[in-house]
Protein backbone atom coordinates (compact mmCIF):
# COMPACT_ATOMS: atom_id res chain seq x y z
CA MET A 1 84.99 90.71 88.25
CA ALA A 2 87.75 92.15 86.09
CA PHE A 3 90.58 92.00 88.66
CA LYS A 4 93.24 89.30 89.06
CA PRO A 5 95.86 89.59 91.83
CA LEU A 6 99.48 89.05 90.87
CA HIS A 7 102.05 86.63 92.30
CA ASP A 8 101.19 85.47 95.85
CA ARG A 9 98.42 87.96 96.53
CA VAL A 10 94.74 87.20 97.14
CA LEU A 11 91.55 89.26 96.93
CA VAL A 12 89.33 88.74 100.00
CA ARG A 13 85.73 89.73 100.77
CA ARG A 14 85.15 90.21 104.50
CA VAL A 15 82.43 88.08 106.07
CA GLU A 16 80.03 90.28 108.06
CA SER A 17 80.14 89.85 111.83
CA GLU A 18 77.18 88.87 113.95
CA GLU A 19 74.58 91.52 114.84
CA LYS A 20 73.99 89.98 118.27
CA THR A 21 76.14 88.42 120.98
CA LYS A 22 75.55 84.83 122.10
CA GLY A 23 73.58 86.25 125.03
CA GLY A 24 71.23 88.11 122.67
CA LEU A 25 72.58 91.66 123.06
CA ILE A 26 72.50 93.73 119.88
CA ILE A 27 75.91 95.16 118.95
CA PRO A 28 75.74 98.76 117.66
CA GLU A 29 77.59 99.58 114.44
CA SER A 30 80.03 101.87 116.31
CA ALA A 31 81.16 99.04 118.63
CA LYS A 32 81.73 96.41 115.95
CA GLU A 33 85.24 95.41 115.01
CA LYS A 34 86.10 94.65 111.43
CA PRO A 35 85.90 90.89 111.01
CA ALA A 36 89.12 88.95 110.51
CA GLU A 37 87.31 86.31 108.49
CA GLY A 38 86.66 86.38 104.79
CA GLU A 39 86.10 84.54 101.54
CA ILE A 40 88.74 84.48 98.83
CA VAL A 41 87.40 86.03 95.64
CA ALA A 42 90.51 85.64 93.44
CA CYS A 43 94.11 84.41 93.71
CA GLY A 44 97.34 85.11 91.90
CA GLU A 45 99.39 82.32 90.32
CA GLY A 46 101.79 82.04 93.27
CA ALA A 47 105.26 83.17 94.26
CA ARG A 48 108.43 82.26 92.40
CA LYS A 49 111.62 80.76 93.79
CA ASP A 50 114.97 82.31 92.88
CA SER A 51 115.28 79.59 90.22
CA GLY A 52 112.03 80.81 88.63
CA GLU A 53 110.05 77.75 89.70
CA LEU A 54 106.42 78.52 90.63
CA ILE A 55 105.28 77.91 94.22
CA GLU A 56 101.57 77.17 93.95
CA MET A 57 99.06 78.87 96.23
CA ALA A 58 97.75 76.88 99.21
CA VAL A 59 94.36 78.63 98.94
CA LYS A 60 91.85 79.01 96.12
CA ALA A 61 88.82 81.15 95.27
CA GLY A 62 85.87 80.26 97.49
CA ASP A 63 87.95 79.30 100.57
CA ARG A 64 86.90 80.86 103.91
CA VAL A 65 89.99 82.14 105.70
CA LEU A 66 91.11 83.87 108.88
CA PHE A 67 93.63 86.71 108.63
CA GLY A 68 95.35 89.17 110.94
CA LYS A 69 93.42 92.19 112.21
CA TRP A 70 95.61 94.69 110.33
CA SER A 71 96.31 92.53 107.28
CA GLY A 72 95.86 93.65 103.71
CA THR A 73 95.03 96.83 101.87
CA GLU A 74 91.42 97.93 101.57
CA VAL A 75 90.28 98.62 97.99
CA SER A 76 86.97 99.34 96.30
CA ILE A 77 86.37 97.33 93.13
CA GLU A 78 83.08 97.80 91.25
CA GLY A 79 81.63 99.46 94.37
CA GLU A 80 82.49 96.54 96.68
CA GLU A 81 84.92 96.91 99.61
CA LEU A 82 87.57 94.18 99.38
CA LEU A 83 91.05 93.43 100.75
CA ILE A 84 94.22 92.62 98.84
CA MET A 85 96.78 90.72 100.91
CA LYS A 86 99.70 88.35 100.57
CA GLU A 87 99.02 84.68 101.03
CA SER A 88 101.39 84.74 104.03
CA ASP A 89 98.98 87.14 105.84
CA ILE A 90 96.37 84.37 105.93
CA LEU A 91 96.42 82.54 109.25
CA GLY A 92 94.37 79.53 108.16
CA VAL A 93 91.55 78.06 106.09
CA ILE A 94 88.22 77.32 107.77
CA ALA A 95 87.11 73.82 106.85
């Protein structure tokens, strides 16, 4: 992929939600919510302090993360729907 986020931004691919509930009911496309879970595709270098010192990112490409429901900006890169968001929009890393 020919895209690299700048500063403290990350590029995230949403992880598709389940097609069925735990009870076995099939969820129609119109009732599905956009998942708030994704995989980091690419990361920027990190933010900078006022002194110019680099603050390294706490996440890296390949991490599975949770983020806020309205976080990020949706973009289409090479035909794939992705999100660009700040590292601070990420709620946590799934181990």
